[in-house]
Protein backbone atom coordinates (compact mmCIF):
# COMPACT_ATOMS: atom_id res chain seq x y z
CA MET A 1 76.44 110.11 68.81
CA LEU A 2 75.90 111.99 72.05
CA ALA A 3 75.83 108.75 74.04
CA ALA A 4 79.14 107.64 72.49
CA THR A 5 80.77 110.98 73.34
CA VAL A 6 79.52 110.85 76.92
CA GLY A 7 80.66 107.22 77.22
CA ILE A 8 84.15 107.96 75.88
CA SER A 9 84.61 111.02 78.09
CA GLY A 10 83.33 109.07 81.12
CA TYR A 11 85.72 106.21 80.39
CA SER A 12 88.60 108.65 79.97
CA GLY A 13 87.75 110.36 83.26
CA VAL A 14 87.52 107.09 85.17
CA SER A 15 90.84 105.91 83.68
CA LYS A 16 92.58 109.11 84.79
CA VAL A 17 91.14 108.83 88.29
CA GLN A 18 92.21 105.19 88.49
CA ALA A 19 95.77 106.04 87.37
CA GLY A 20 95.93 108.89 89.91
CA THR A 21 94.67 106.62 92.68
CA GLN A 22 97.31 104.01 91.80
CA GLU A 23 100.04 106.69 91.87
CA VAL A 24 98.89 107.89 95.29
CA TYR A 25 98.86 104.30 96.55
CA VAL A 26 102.41 103.63 95.33
CA THR A 27 103.69 106.90 96.77
CA SER A 28 102.06 106.34 100.16
CA THR A 29 103.39 102.76 100.27
CA ALA A 30 106.92 104.00 99.54
CA LEU A 31 106.58 106.65 102.21
CA ARG A 32 105.30 104.12 104.75
CA ASN A 33 108.20 101.77 103.99
CA HIS A 34 110.70 104.59 104.37
CA LEU A 35 109.16 105.76 107.65
CA GLU A 36 109.30 102.20 109.00
CA ALA A 37 112.96 102.02 108.01
CA ASP A 38 113.59 105.32 109.79
CA MET A 39 111.97 103.97 112.96
CA MET A 40 114.23 100.91 112.75
CA ARG A 41 117.24 103.21 112.29
CA HIS A 42 116.35 104.83 115.61
CA ALA A 43 115.92 101.40 117.16
CA LEU A 44 119.39 100.42 115.89
CA LYS A 45 120.85 103.52 117.52
CA ALA A 46 119.19 102.45 120.77
CA ASP A 47 120.67 98.96 120.33
CA VAL A 48 124.15 100.49 120.11
CA LEU A 49 123.55 102.43 123.32
CA ALA A 50 122.18 99.31 125.00
CA ALA A 51 125.28 97.39 123.92
CA LEU A 52 127.48 99.98 125.59
CA LEU A 53 125.51 99.61 128.83
CA ALA A 54 125.11 95.81 128.77
CA ASN A 55 127.00 94.34 131.70
CA ASP A 56 125.76 90.76 132.02
CA GLY A 57 125.03 87.81 129.74
CA LYS A 58 121.27 88.32 129.79
CA SER A 59 121.57 91.96 128.73
CA LYS A 60 124.04 91.09 125.99
CA ASP A 61 121.77 88.35 124.61
CA ARG A 62 118.82 90.75 124.59
CA VAL A 63 120.89 93.36 122.74
CA LEU A 64 121.94 90.85 120.10
CA ARG A 65 118.36 89.59 119.63
CA ASN A 66 117.05 93.14 119.30
CA LEU A 67 119.85 94.06 116.93
CA ALA A 68 119.11 91.11 114.65
CA ASP A 69 115.38 91.89 114.67
CA HIS A 70 115.78 95.63 114.06
CA SER A 71 118.43 95.26 111.35
CA SER A 72 116.35 92.71 109.41
CA LYS A 73 113.26 94.95 109.62
CA PHE A 74 115.37 97.94 108.53
CA ARG A 75 116.69 96.13 105.45
CA LEU A 76 113.25 94.69 104.63
CA SER A 77 111.57 98.11 104.80
CA LEU A 78 114.14 99.62 102.46
CA SER A 79 114.09 96.69 100.04
CA LYS A 80 110.28 96.82 99.71
CA ASN A 81 110.64 100.13 97.85
CA ASN A 82 112.84 98.47 95.20
CA ASP A 83 109.83 96.43 94.07
CA LEU A 84 107.51 99.42 93.67
CA PRO A 85 106.95 101.05 90.26
CA LEU A 86 108.63 104.34 91.20
CA SER A 87 110.29 106.82 88.84
CA ARG A 88 113.96 106.40 87.94
CA ASP A 89 114.90 109.54 89.89
CA ILE A 90 113.25 108.29 93.07
CA LYS A 91 114.77 104.82 92.67
CA ALA A 92 118.23 106.38 92.22
CA GLN A 93 117.79 108.40 95.40
CA LEU A 94 116.54 105.35 97.29
CA GLN A 95 119.60 103.36 96.16
CA GLU A 96 121.75 105.91 98.00
CA THR A 97 119.97 105.03 101.25
CA GLN A 98 120.52 101.27 100.93
CA PRO A 99 122.70 99.81 103.67
CA VAL A 100 126.12 98.47 102.88
CA ARG A 101 126.01 94.88 101.66
CA SER A 102 127.25 92.47 104.30
CA GLY A 103 130.05 91.29 102.00
CA ASP A 104 131.53 94.81 101.88
CA GLY A 105 132.86 94.64 105.41
CA PRO A 106 131.92 93.78 108.97
CA THR A 107 128.25 94.20 109.72
CA HIS A 108 127.04 96.33 112.57
CA ALA A 109 125.89 93.16 114.30
CA ALA A 110 129.42 91.74 114.12
CA ARG A 111 130.89 94.97 115.46
CA ILE A 112 128.46 95.07 118.37
CA HIS A 113 129.06 91.38 119.06
CA ARG A 114 132.82 92.02 119.23
CA THR A 115 132.21 94.99 121.52
CA LEU A 116 130.06 92.91 123.85
CA CYS A 117 132.64 90.11 123.91
CA ALA A 118 135.44 92.56 124.65
CA LYS A 119 133.54 93.87 127.68
CA THR A 120 133.75 90.52 129.47
């Protein structure tokens, strides 16, 4: 009887620790994804500034390449959190941070491309 009680309490304890570890893993993954997206947001701001200063074809091409790279990484980092088993409240708040869908209007890349073309 004592062995069964010790076994059940041990199993219960291990299960709780495992669930807690999984919750910490999911939370830290979501935080990492969000921090990566924030870094890409800063990179996108730098791309806008670089577009304003671009004065030759080589600079403009570099700006457009960087913009495409940074915007895809930004969207990927944010979308990774949609696949995580997060609470409804957190998912609702994360939905507010999602970028505008490209069909909703001109993308930032298109705006910057027009700006660069207008500078020539």
